[in-house]
Amino acid sequence: MTAFPITEAMPIQFGGPLPGAADVVIIGGGIIGVTTALFLARRNISVTLVE
C-alpha cells in the first residue's frame, strides 16, 4: 500500500497564473464553498476558489 500522495512536505501547488480579477473570491473548498462557486459560475459570475 502506498502512502497518501498529499503531505505537508509535498503540498499541491497551482502552476498556472493567478486570475487578474474576480467578482467573488471564496475561501474554503469544502462542500459549501465548491457548491457556491458552482452556482455563481452558472450565473456567469467570475469566481476564484481558494483552499
PDB file of N, CA and C in Angstrom:
ATOM      1  N   MET A   1       0.847  -1.175   0.000  1.00  0.00           N
ATOM      2  CA  MET A   1       0.000   0.000   0.000  1.00  0.00           C
ATOM      3  C   MET A   1       0.895   1.242   0.000  1.00  0.00           C
ATOM      4  N   THR A   2       0.547   2.218  -0.823  1.00  0.00           N
ATOM      5  CA  THR A   2       1.319   3.458  -0.883  1.00  0.00           C
ATOM      6  C   THR A   2       0.706   4.495   0.046  1.00  0.00           C
ATOM      7  N   ALA A   3       1.550   5.417   0.467  1.00  0.00           N
ATOM      8  CA  ALA A   3       1.093   6.496   1.337  1.00  0.00           C
ATOM      9  C   ALA A   3       0.248   7.484   0.537  1.00  0.00           C
ATOM     10  N   PHE A   4      -0.563   8.246   1.231  1.00  0.00           N
ATOM     11  CA  PHE A   4      -1.367   9.282   0.588  1.00  0.00           C
ATOM     12  C   PHE A   4      -0.427  10.280  -0.070  1.00  0.00           C
ATOM     13  N   PRO A   5      -0.644  10.666  -1.333  1.00  0.00           N
ATOM     14  CA  PRO A   5       0.342  11.482  -2.063  1.00  0.00           C
ATOM     15  C   PRO A   5       0.420  12.951  -1.643  1.00  0.00           C
ATOM     16  N   ILE A   6      -0.532  13.442  -0.861  1.00  0.00           N
ATOM     17  CA  ILE A   6      -0.510  14.847  -0.459  1.00  0.00           C
ATOM     18  C   ILE A   6      -0.074  14.921   0.996  1.00  0.00           C
ATOM     19  N   THR A   7       1.058  15.570   1.239  1.00  0.00           N
ATOM     20  CA  THR A   7       1.556  15.734   2.602  1.00  0.00           C
ATOM     21  C   THR A   7       2.011  17.170   2.786  1.00  0.00           C
ATOM     22  N   GLU A   8       2.353  17.533   4.018  1.00  0.00           N
ATOM     23  CA  GLU A   8       2.890  18.867   4.251  1.00  0.00           C
ATOM     24  C   GLU A   8       4.219  19.057   3.537  1.00  0.00           C
ATOM     25  N   ALA A   9       4.964  17.979   3.393  1.00  0.00           N
ATOM     26  CA  ALA A   9       6.252  18.061   2.700  1.00  0.00           C
ATOM     27  C   ALA A   9       6.078  18.215   1.196  1.00  0.00           C
ATOM     28  N   MET A  10       4.964  17.707   0.647  1.00  0.00           N
ATOM     29  CA  MET A  10       4.701  17.773  -0.795  1.00  0.00           C
ATOM     30  C   MET A  10       3.281  18.255  -1.047  1.00  0.00           C
ATOM     31  N   PRO A  11       2.974  19.523  -0.752  1.00  0.00           N
ATOM     32  CA  PRO A  11       1.601  20.016  -0.958  1.00  0.00           C
ATOM     33  C   PRO A  11       1.300  20.203  -2.443  1.00  0.00           C
ATOM     34  N   ILE A  12       0.018  20.267  -2.759  1.00  0.00           N
ATOM     35  CA  ILE A  12      -0.395  20.566  -4.123  1.00  0.00           C
ATOM     36  C   ILE A  12      -0.218  22.057  -4.350  1.00  0.00           C
ATOM     37  N   GLN A  13       0.380  22.410  -5.484  1.00  0.00           N
ATOM     38  CA  GLN A  13       0.569  23.814  -5.808  1.00  0.00           C
ATOM     39  C   GLN A  13       0.024  24.076  -7.202  1.00  0.00           C
ATOM     40  N   PHE A  14      -0.663  25.184  -7.346  1.00  0.00           N
ATOM     41  CA  PHE A  14      -1.218  25.583  -8.639  1.00  0.00           C
ATOM     42  C   PHE A  14      -0.099  26.161  -9.487  1.00  0.00           C
ATOM     43  N   GLY A  15       0.113  25.619 -10.670  1.00  0.00           N
ATOM     44  CA  GLY A  15       1.225  26.027 -11.507  1.00  0.00           C
ATOM     45  C   GLY A  15       0.905  27.133 -12.493  1.00  0.00           C
ATOM     46  N   GLY A  16      -0.355  27.437 -12.686  1.00  0.00           N
ATOM     47  CA  GLY A  16      -0.743  28.442 -13.669  1.00  0.00           C
ATOM     48  C   GLY A  16      -0.754  29.843 -13.089  1.00  0.00           C
ATOM     49  N   PRO A  17      -0.987  30.820 -13.932  1.00  0.00           N
ATOM     50  CA  PRO A  17      -1.059  32.203 -13.435  1.00  0.00           C
ATOM     51  C   PRO A  17      -2.356  32.420 -12.652  1.00  0.00           C
ATOM     52  N   LEU A  18      -2.280  33.265 -11.649  1.00  0.00           N
ATOM     53  CA  LEU A  18      -3.475  33.599 -10.877  1.00  0.00           C
ATOM     54  C   LEU A  18      -4.361  34.539 -11.688  1.00  0.00           C
ATOM     55  N   PRO A  19      -5.665  34.503 -11.480  1.00  0.00           N
ATOM     56  CA  PRO A  19      -6.548  35.395 -12.230  1.00  0.00           C
ATOM     57  C   PRO A  19      -6.287  36.855 -11.859  1.00  0.00           C
ATOM     58  N   GLY A  20      -6.425  37.725 -12.833  1.00  0.00           N
ATOM     59  CA  GLY A  20      -6.211  39.148 -12.603  1.00  0.00           C
ATOM     60  C   GLY A  20      -7.331  39.797 -11.819  1.00  0.00           C
ATOM     61  N   ALA A  21      -8.527  39.257 -11.949  1.00  0.00           N
ATOM     62  CA  ALA A  21      -9.685  39.825 -11.256  1.00  0.00           C
ATOM     63  C   ALA A  21     -10.753  38.743 -11.112  1.00  0.00           C
ATOM     64  N   ALA A  22     -11.625  38.947 -10.141  1.00  0.00           N
ATOM     65  CA  ALA A  22     -12.764  38.047  -9.935  1.00  0.00           C
ATOM     66  C   ALA A  22     -13.883  38.847  -9.296  1.00  0.00           C
ATOM     67  N   ASP A  23     -15.096  38.486  -9.624  1.00  0.00           N
ATOM     68  CA  ASP A  23     -16.239  39.132  -8.984  1.00  0.00           C
ATOM     69  C   ASP A  23     -16.370  38.671  -7.535  1.00  0.00           C
ATOM     70  N   VAL A  24     -16.083  37.378  -7.307  1.00  0.00           N
ATOM     71  CA  VAL A  24     -16.216  36.791  -5.970  1.00  0.00           C
ATOM     72  C   VAL A  24     -14.997  35.920  -5.702  1.00  0.00           C
ATOM     73  N   VAL A  25     -14.453  36.023  -4.496  1.00  0.00           N
ATOM     74  CA  VAL A  25     -13.392  35.123  -4.037  1.00  0.00           C
ATOM     75  C   VAL A  25     -13.955  34.330  -2.871  1.00  0.00           C
ATOM     76  N   ILE A  26     -13.902  33.014  -2.996  1.00  0.00           N
ATOM     77  CA  ILE A  26     -14.405  32.123  -1.952  1.00  0.00           C
ATOM     78  C   ILE A  26     -13.205  31.473  -1.290  1.00  0.00           C
ATOM     79  N   ILE A  27     -13.134  31.586   0.024  1.00  0.00           N
ATOM     80  CA  ILE A  27     -12.052  30.972   0.777  1.00  0.00           C
ATOM     81  C   ILE A  27     -12.610  29.735   1.453  1.00  0.00           C
ATOM     82  N   GLY A  28     -12.111  28.590   1.031  1.00  0.00           N
ATOM     83  CA  GLY A  28     -12.552  27.318   1.588  1.00  0.00           C
ATOM     84  C   GLY A  28     -13.185  26.452   0.523  1.00  0.00           C
ATOM     85  N   GLY A  29     -12.573  25.304   0.261  1.00  0.00           N
ATOM     86  CA  GLY A  29     -13.043  24.410  -0.784  1.00  0.00           C
ATOM     87  C   GLY A  29     -13.866  23.247  -0.268  1.00  0.00           C
ATOM     88  N   GLY A  30     -14.568  23.457   0.836  1.00  0.00           N
ATOM     89  CA  GLY A  30     -15.470  22.415   1.328  1.00  0.00           C
ATOM     90  C   GLY A  30     -16.719  22.356   0.467  1.00  0.00           C
ATOM     91  N   ILE A  31     -17.670  21.573   0.889  1.00  0.00           N
ATOM     92  CA  ILE A  31     -18.882  21.385   0.095  1.00  0.00           C
ATOM     93  C   ILE A  31     -19.638  22.695  -0.102  1.00  0.00           C
ATOM     94  N   ILE A  32     -19.663  23.555   0.896  1.00  0.00           N
ATOM     95  CA  ILE A  32     -20.376  24.833   0.770  1.00  0.00           C
ATOM     96  C   ILE A  32     -19.638  25.747  -0.198  1.00  0.00           C
ATOM     97  N   GLY A  33     -18.303  25.838  -0.071  1.00  0.00           N
ATOM     98  CA  GLY A  33     -17.533  26.701  -0.954  1.00  0.00           C
ATOM     99  C   GLY A  33     -17.591  26.269  -2.403  1.00  0.00           C
ATOM    100  N   VAL A  34     -17.446  24.971  -2.647  1.00  0.00           N
ATOM    101  CA  VAL A  34     -17.479  24.453  -4.021  1.00  0.00           C
ATOM    102  C   VAL A  34     -18.866  24.613  -4.633  1.00  0.00           C
ATOM    103  N   THR A  35     -19.899  24.332  -3.860  1.00  0.00           N
ATOM    104  CA  THR A  35     -21.265  24.470  -4.363  1.00  0.00           C
ATOM    105  C   THR A  35     -21.598  25.933  -4.651  1.00  0.00           C
ATOM    106  N   THR A  36     -21.165  26.822  -3.776  1.00  0.00           N
ATOM    107  CA  THR A  36     -21.382  28.255  -4.010  1.00  0.00           C
ATOM    108  C   THR A  36     -20.679  28.696  -5.283  1.00  0.00           C
ATOM    109  N   ALA A  37     -19.435  28.260  -5.466  1.00  0.00           N
ATOM    110  CA  ALA A  37     -18.683  28.606  -6.681  1.00  0.00           C
ATOM    111  C   ALA A  37     -19.381  28.073  -7.927  1.00  0.00           C
ATOM    112  N   LEU A  38     -19.894  26.866  -7.854  1.00  0.00           N
ATOM    113  CA  LEU A  38     -20.600  26.271  -8.994  1.00  0.00           C
ATOM    114  C   LEU A  38     -21.839  27.085  -9.363  1.00  0.00           C
ATOM    115  N   PHE A  39     -22.654  27.416  -8.382  1.00  0.00           N
ATOM    116  CA  PHE A  39     -23.882  28.159  -8.668  1.00  0.00           C
ATOM    117  C   PHE A  39     -23.589  29.569  -9.176  1.00  0.00           C
ATOM    118  N   LEU A  40     -22.543  30.214  -8.650  1.00  0.00           N
ATOM    119  CA  LEU A  40     -22.171  31.545  -9.160  1.00  0.00           C
ATOM    120  C   LEU A  40     -21.652  31.453 -10.587  1.00  0.00           C
ATOM    121  N   ALA A  41     -20.819  30.460 -10.853  1.00  0.00           N
ATOM    122  CA  ALA A  41     -20.272  30.296 -12.205  1.00  0.00           C
ATOM    123  C   ALA A  41     -21.367  30.012 -13.217  1.00  0.00           C
ATOM    124  N   ARG A  42     -22.381  29.278 -12.816  1.00  0.00           N
ATOM    125  CA  ARG A  42     -23.518  29.005 -13.714  1.00  0.00           C
ATOM    126  C   ARG A  42     -24.281  30.275 -14.061  1.00  0.00           C
ATOM    127  N   ARG A  43     -24.149  31.300 -13.239  1.00  0.00           N
ATOM    128  CA  ARG A  43     -24.794  32.595 -13.500  1.00  0.00           C
ATOM    129  C   ARG A  43     -23.828  33.581 -14.155  1.00  0.00           C
ATOM    130  N   ASN A  44     -22.703  33.061 -14.682  1.00  0.00           N
ATOM    131  CA  ASN A  44     -21.686  33.855 -15.376  1.00  0.00           C
ATOM    132  C   ASN A  44     -21.038  34.911 -14.485  1.00  0.00           C
ATOM    133  N   ILE A  45     -20.874  34.568 -13.213  1.00  0.00           N
ATOM    134  CA  ILE A  45     -20.153  35.420 -12.269  1.00  0.00           C
ATOM    135  C   ILE A  45     -18.764  34.808 -12.106  1.00  0.00           C
ATOM    136  N   SER A  46     -17.721  35.618 -12.309  1.00  0.00           N
ATOM    137  CA  SER A  46     -16.369  35.060 -12.207  1.00  0.00           C
ATOM    138  C   SER A  46     -16.026  34.782 -10.744  1.00  0.00           C
ATOM    139  N   VAL A  47     -15.547  33.566 -10.510  1.00  0.00           N
ATOM    140  CA  VAL A  47     -15.299  33.098  -9.147  1.00  0.00           C
ATOM    141  C   VAL A  47     -13.873  32.575  -9.059  1.00  0.00           C
ATOM    142  N   THR A  48     -13.196  32.908  -7.957  1.00  0.00           N
ATOM    143  CA  THR A  48     -11.913  32.306  -7.613  1.00  0.00           C
ATOM    144  C   THR A  48     -12.103  31.570  -6.300  1.00  0.00           C
ATOM    145  N   LEU A  49     -11.775  30.283  -6.304  1.00  0.00           N
ATOM    146  CA  LEU A  49     -11.905  29.436  -5.118  1.00  0.00           C
ATOM    147  C   LEU A  49     -10.515  29.195  -4.551  1.00  0.00           C
ATOM    148  N   VAL A  50     -10.305  29.580  -3.296  1.00  0.00           N
ATOM    149  CA  VAL A  50      -9.014  29.449  -2.641  1.00  0.00           C
ATOM    150  C   VAL A  50      -9.168  28.461  -1.503  1.00  0.00           C
ATOM    151  N   GLU A  51      -8.310  27.473  -1.478  1.00  0.00           N
ATOM    152  CA  GLU A  51      -8.360  26.487  -0.403  1.00  0.00           C
ATOM    153  C   GLU A  51      -7.334  26.813   0.634  1.00  0.00           C
TER     154      GLU A  51
END
